[in-house]
Protein backbone atom coordinates (compact mmCIF):
# COMPACT_ATOMS: atom_id res chain seq x y z
CA MET A 1 -28.38 0.70 -3.87
CA ALA A 2 -29.14 1.78 -0.16
CA LEU A 3 -27.35 -1.47 1.00
CA PHE A 4 -24.55 -0.71 -1.62
CA ASN A 5 -24.54 3.24 -0.18
CA ARG A 6 -24.41 2.09 3.84
CA GLN A 7 -21.74 -0.11 2.96
CA LYS A 8 -19.80 2.15 1.09
CA GLU A 9 -20.15 4.71 3.95
CA ILE A 10 -18.81 2.36 6.63
CA SER A 11 -16.12 0.81 4.47
CA LEU A 12 -14.52 4.33 2.86
CA LYS A 13 -14.16 5.22 6.53
CA ASP A 14 -12.98 2.73 7.93
CA ILE A 15 -10.16 1.34 5.19
CA GLU A 16 -7.08 2.68 4.64
CA LEU A 17 -6.82 4.43 1.22
CA PRO A 18 -4.23 3.72 -1.09
CA GLU A 19 -1.87 6.89 -1.73
CA HIS A 20 -1.47 6.54 -5.30
CA ILE A 21 -3.87 5.07 -7.96
CA GLY A 22 -3.15 4.52 -11.79
CA ILE A 23 -5.65 4.39 -13.92
CA ILE A 24 -5.72 2.69 -17.60
CA MET A 25 -8.74 4.54 -18.93
CA ASP A 26 -9.47 1.97 -21.75
CA GLY A 27 -12.71 1.12 -23.70
CA ASN A 28 -13.91 4.47 -25.08
CA GLY A 29 -13.63 2.82 -28.64
CA ARG A 30 -15.97 -0.22 -27.78
CA TRP A 31 -18.52 2.09 -25.54
CA ALA A 32 -18.89 4.25 -28.84
CA LYS A 33 -19.03 1.19 -31.29
CA LYS A 34 -21.95 -0.46 -28.93
CA ARG A 35 -23.91 2.69 -29.54
CA GLY A 36 -23.30 3.09 -33.37
CA LEU A 37 -21.46 6.21 -32.52
CA PRO A 38 -17.63 7.29 -34.17
CA ARG A 39 -14.89 6.45 -31.86
CA THR A 40 -14.37 9.87 -31.31
CA ALA A 41 -17.83 10.12 -29.24
CA GLY A 42 -16.28 7.71 -26.99
CA HIS A 43 -13.27 9.87 -26.33
CA THR A 44 -14.99 12.66 -25.75
CA ALA A 45 -17.40 10.66 -22.79
CA GLY A 46 -14.32 9.38 -21.67
CA ALA A 47 -12.82 12.68 -20.89
CA GLN A 48 -15.83 13.63 -19.23
CA THR A 49 -15.65 10.45 -17.18
CA PHE A 50 -11.87 11.66 -16.29
CA ARG A 51 -12.79 14.99 -14.99
CA ARG A 52 -15.48 13.58 -12.52
CA ILE A 53 -13.18 10.75 -11.44
CA ALA A 54 -10.20 13.08 -10.74
CA ARG A 55 -12.30 15.22 -8.79
CA TYR A 56 -13.69 12.29 -6.70
CA CYS A 57 -10.23 10.79 -5.95
CA SER A 58 -9.28 14.37 -4.49
CA ASP A 59 -12.40 14.96 -2.68
CA ILE A 60 -11.89 11.38 -1.04
CA GLY A 61 -8.39 12.19 0.01
CA ILE A 62 -6.08 10.19 -2.75
CA LYS A 63 -2.86 11.99 -2.75
CA TYR A 64 -1.64 10.98 -6.27
CA LEU A 65 -3.66 10.01 -9.42
CA THR A 66 -1.83 8.69 -12.62
CA VAL A 67 -4.22 8.55 -15.73
CA TYR A 68 -2.96 7.00 -18.89
CA ALA A 69 -4.64 9.18 -21.59
CA PHE A 70 -2.47 8.66 -24.55
CA SER A 71 0.19 6.07 -25.22
CA THR A 72 3.27 5.97 -27.71
CA GLU A 73 1.76 2.95 -29.47
CA ASN A 74 -1.79 5.34 -29.97
CA TRP A 75 -0.32 7.30 -32.89
CA LYS A 76 -0.78 3.88 -35.26
CA ARG A 77 -4.62 4.67 -34.64
CA PRO A 78 -6.50 6.42 -37.55
CA LYS A 79 -5.42 10.31 -38.27
CA GLU A 80 -9.11 11.19 -37.47
CA GLU A 81 -9.35 9.30 -33.97
CA VAL A 82 -5.54 10.84 -33.39
CA ASP A 83 -6.58 14.71 -34.08
CA ALA A 84 -9.87 14.06 -31.95
CA ILE A 85 -7.98 13.05 -29.06
CA MET A 86 -5.34 16.02 -29.42
CA LYS A 87 -8.35 18.45 -29.64
CA LEU A 88 -9.85 16.90 -26.28
CA PHE A 89 -6.32 17.12 -24.70
CA LYS A 90 -5.91 20.68 -25.95
CA GLU A 91 -9.59 21.75 -24.65
CA TYR A 92 -8.90 19.98 -21.47
CA MET A 93 -5.75 21.64 -20.98
CA LEU A 94 -7.15 25.15 -21.61
CA GLU A 95 -10.06 24.18 -18.83
CA ALA A 96 -7.86 23.03 -16.58
CA ILE A 97 -5.88 26.35 -16.17
CA SER A 98 -8.88 27.69 -14.20
CA ASP A 99 -10.67 23.92 -13.49
CA PHE A 100 -8.81 22.60 -10.96
CA GLN A 101 -7.60 25.70 -8.97
CA ASP A 102 -10.55 25.33 -6.34
CA ASP A 103 -9.72 21.84 -5.86
CA SER A 104 -6.07 22.60 -5.43
CA ILE A 105 -5.21 19.99 -7.61
CA VAL A 106 -1.43 19.90 -9.23
CA VAL A 107 -1.35 19.42 -12.32
CA LYS A 108 1.52 17.15 -14.18
CA PHE A 109 2.42 15.74 -17.61
CA ILE A 110 4.29 12.62 -17.79
CA GLY A 111 5.55 11.56 -21.54
CA ASP A 112 7.79 12.33 -24.13
CA ARG A 113 6.82 16.01 -25.10
CA SER A 114 8.91 16.55 -27.76
CA VAL A 115 5.91 15.44 -30.36
CA PHE A 116 4.06 18.47 -28.97
CA SER A 117 3.03 21.69 -31.03
CA ASP A 118 4.44 24.76 -29.58
CA ASP A 119 1.18 25.73 -28.38
CA MET A 120 0.49 22.61 -26.71
CA LEU A 121 4.16 22.83 -24.97
CA GLN A 122 2.97 26.64 -23.83
CA LEU A 123 -0.53 25.02 -22.20
CA ILE A 124 1.25 22.19 -20.45
CA GLU A 125 4.31 24.01 -19.09
CA LYS A 126 1.07 26.83 -17.77
CA ASN A 127 -0.66 24.00 -16.49
CA GLU A 128 2.05 22.83 -14.50
CA ASN A 129 3.44 26.38 -13.56
CA ASP A 130 -0.11 27.84 -12.20
CA SER A 131 -0.48 24.52 -10.18
CA LYS A 132 2.84 23.45 -8.67
CA ASP A 133 2.41 25.62 -5.29
CA ARG A 134 -0.78 23.73 -4.63
CA ASP A 135 -0.91 21.61 -1.83
CA GLY A 136 -3.99 19.13 -2.97
CA MET A 137 -3.68 15.69 -4.90
CA VAL A 138 -1.21 15.37 -7.47
CA LEU A 139 -2.82 14.37 -11.11
CA ASN A 140 -0.36 12.94 -13.23
CA ILE A 141 -1.85 12.62 -17.13
CA ALA A 142 0.41 10.41 -19.06
CA MET A 143 0.30 11.37 -22.81
CA ASN A 144 2.71 10.08 -25.71
CA TYR A 145 3.65 7.90 -22.65
CA GLY A 146 5.01 4.33 -22.68
CA GLY A 147 6.80 2.29 -19.59
CA ARG A 148 9.35 0.99 -22.13
CA ASP A 149 10.40 4.56 -23.75
CA GLU A 150 10.34 6.21 -20.06
CA ILE A 151 12.73 3.80 -18.79
CA VAL A 152 15.28 4.37 -22.06
CA HIS A 153 14.68 7.99 -21.18
CA ALA A 154 15.94 7.53 -17.68
CA VAL A 155 18.88 5.00 -18.63
CA LYS A 156 20.12 7.67 -21.21
CA LYS A 157 19.85 10.10 -18.71
CA ILE A 158 21.99 8.20 -16.44
CA ALA A 159 24.36 7.24 -19.34
CA GLN A 160 24.85 10.63 -20.31
CA ASN A 161 26.11 11.76 -16.74
CA VAL A 162 28.50 8.65 -16.61
CA LYS A 163 30.16 9.77 -19.73
CA ASP A 164 30.33 13.32 -18.41
CA ASP A 165 31.91 11.80 -14.75
CA LYS A 166 29.31 13.22 -12.96
CA LEU A 167 28.49 9.32 -12.03
CA SER A 168 30.30 6.06 -11.97
CA VAL A 169 29.08 3.02 -13.28
CA SER A 170 29.10 1.59 -9.29
CA ASP A 171 26.61 4.25 -8.46
CA ILE A 172 23.98 2.73 -10.60
CA ASN A 173 21.14 0.99 -8.71
CA ALA A 174 17.15 0.88 -8.60
CA GLN A 175 16.99 3.96 -6.65
CA LEU A 176 18.93 6.07 -9.25
CA ILE A 177 16.81 4.57 -11.84
CA SER A 178 13.47 5.88 -9.73
CA GLU A 179 15.30 9.12 -9.43
CA ASN A 180 15.50 9.49 -13.30
CA ILE A 181 12.19 8.55 -14.58
CA TYR A 182 8.97 10.69 -14.93
CA THR A 183 7.18 10.31 -11.41
CA ALA A 184 10.65 10.69 -10.10
CA SER A 185 9.74 12.04 -5.92
CA GLN A 186 6.57 10.22 -5.92
CA PRO A 187 5.32 7.35 -4.43
CA ASP A 188 4.91 4.27 -6.72
CA PRO A 189 1.12 3.00 -7.64
CA ASP A 190 -0.54 1.16 -4.83
CA LEU A 191 -3.20 -0.04 -6.74
CA ILE A 192 -3.64 0.06 -10.78
CA ILE A 193 -7.41 -0.13 -11.71
CA ARG A 194 -7.73 -1.30 -15.77
CA PRO A 195 -11.72 -0.67 -16.49
CA SER A 196 -12.76 -2.39 -19.82
CA GLY A 197 -11.92 -5.94 -18.49
CA GLU A 198 -8.52 -6.37 -20.40
CA TYR A 199 -5.67 -8.36 -18.56
CA ARG A 200 -2.65 -6.08 -19.70
CA THR A 201 -0.76 -3.54 -18.46
CA SER A 202 -0.26 -2.06 -21.60
CA ASN A 203 3.04 -0.69 -21.10
CA PHE A 204 1.89 1.63 -18.33
CA LEU A 205 3.97 2.34 -15.51
CA LEU A 206 6.44 -0.53 -15.75
CA TRP A 207 9.17 0.38 -13.54
CA GLN A 208 6.67 1.78 -11.17
CA SER A 209 4.38 -0.85 -10.97
CA ALA A 210 6.85 -3.50 -9.95
CA TYR A 211 4.73 -4.24 -6.36
CA SER A 212 1.20 -2.48 -7.49
CA GLU A 213 -2.09 -4.41 -6.67
CA TYR A 214 -4.29 -4.48 -10.01
CA CYS A 215 -7.74 -4.44 -10.10
CA ILE A 216 -9.39 -5.45 -13.36
CA MET A 217 -13.06 -4.33 -13.87
CA ASP A 218 -16.00 -5.34 -16.52
CA VAL A 219 -16.99 -1.91 -17.41
CA LEU A 220 -15.97 0.61 -20.03
CA TRP A 221 -14.19 4.00 -19.01
CA PRO A 222 -16.89 6.38 -20.16
CA ASP A 223 -19.50 4.21 -17.99
CA PHE A 224 -16.77 4.29 -14.94
CA LYS A 225 -18.27 5.76 -11.72
CA SER A 226 -17.28 6.60 -8.27
CA GLU A 227 -19.21 3.44 -7.02
CA HIS A 228 -16.58 1.56 -9.31
CA LEU A 229 -13.81 3.08 -7.60
CA ASP A 230 -15.34 2.65 -4.35
CA LYS A 231 -15.74 -1.24 -5.28
CA ALA A 232 -11.97 -1.17 -6.38
CA LEU A 233 -11.01 0.54 -2.97
CA ILE A 234 -12.69 -1.68 -0.82
CA GLU A 235 -11.40 -4.75 -2.96
CA TYR A 236 -7.42 -3.12 -2.23
CA ALA A 237 -8.01 -2.95 1.39
CA LYS A 238 -8.77 -6.51 1.66
CA ARG A 239 -5.36 -7.71 -0.11
CA ASN A 240 -2.27 -8.52 1.96
CA ARG A 241 0.43 -6.94 0.44
CA ARG A 242 3.82 -8.51 1.05
CA PHE A 243 6.32 -6.72 -1.20
CA GLY A 244 8.02 -10.25 -1.85
CA GLY A 245 8.27 -10.98 1.66
CA ILE A 246 5.91 -13.53 3.57
């Protein structure tokens, strides 16, 4: 452990950190199953990990962090599990109103909000409004989010503008689509981390991740610690990013 700490101290000081990190918070259910606990217990443990890692990213100077909390496909899970996740989401939003105030974290929610109740929407808007003038890390929480759904949403907005004669078909390009997705004005993720050892993108940031580096880690999300993030950052720093060039 001492050797690792010494390596971490030297490495994090010397390497160039990614500007934007995405994390697929995967493995809560399997973590609970391994311990003979209900899946809801895994989501509770995963929520605690999320709080720790978000603060750690802010502390070390990450500028943007996007976490995959609940996908558009997750509604297919058992109602008890979905209800538990929504309860945790609501508890988090209540805490976050004051929780991240001292951290200067800007909180944003990305995804389709149309399914949420009025009280959930009010909490989402309050979090965003209360934090919008802070100058720290931007934390994007992907709730009821899907990469394909996001692209469809952007295309519909652009199509409506063409229909209303605000745009012409010749105006449509990659930059215009980037300006109409949920993370418009933010840089694309440099690094996407997937705990749990699964080799899938799972419909996460499909447009934005065209040239992202991926780091697959064989650790379930509730067990994910700052040391695992450090390892991913060190690995990222070794990569030669060519963006399609030589």
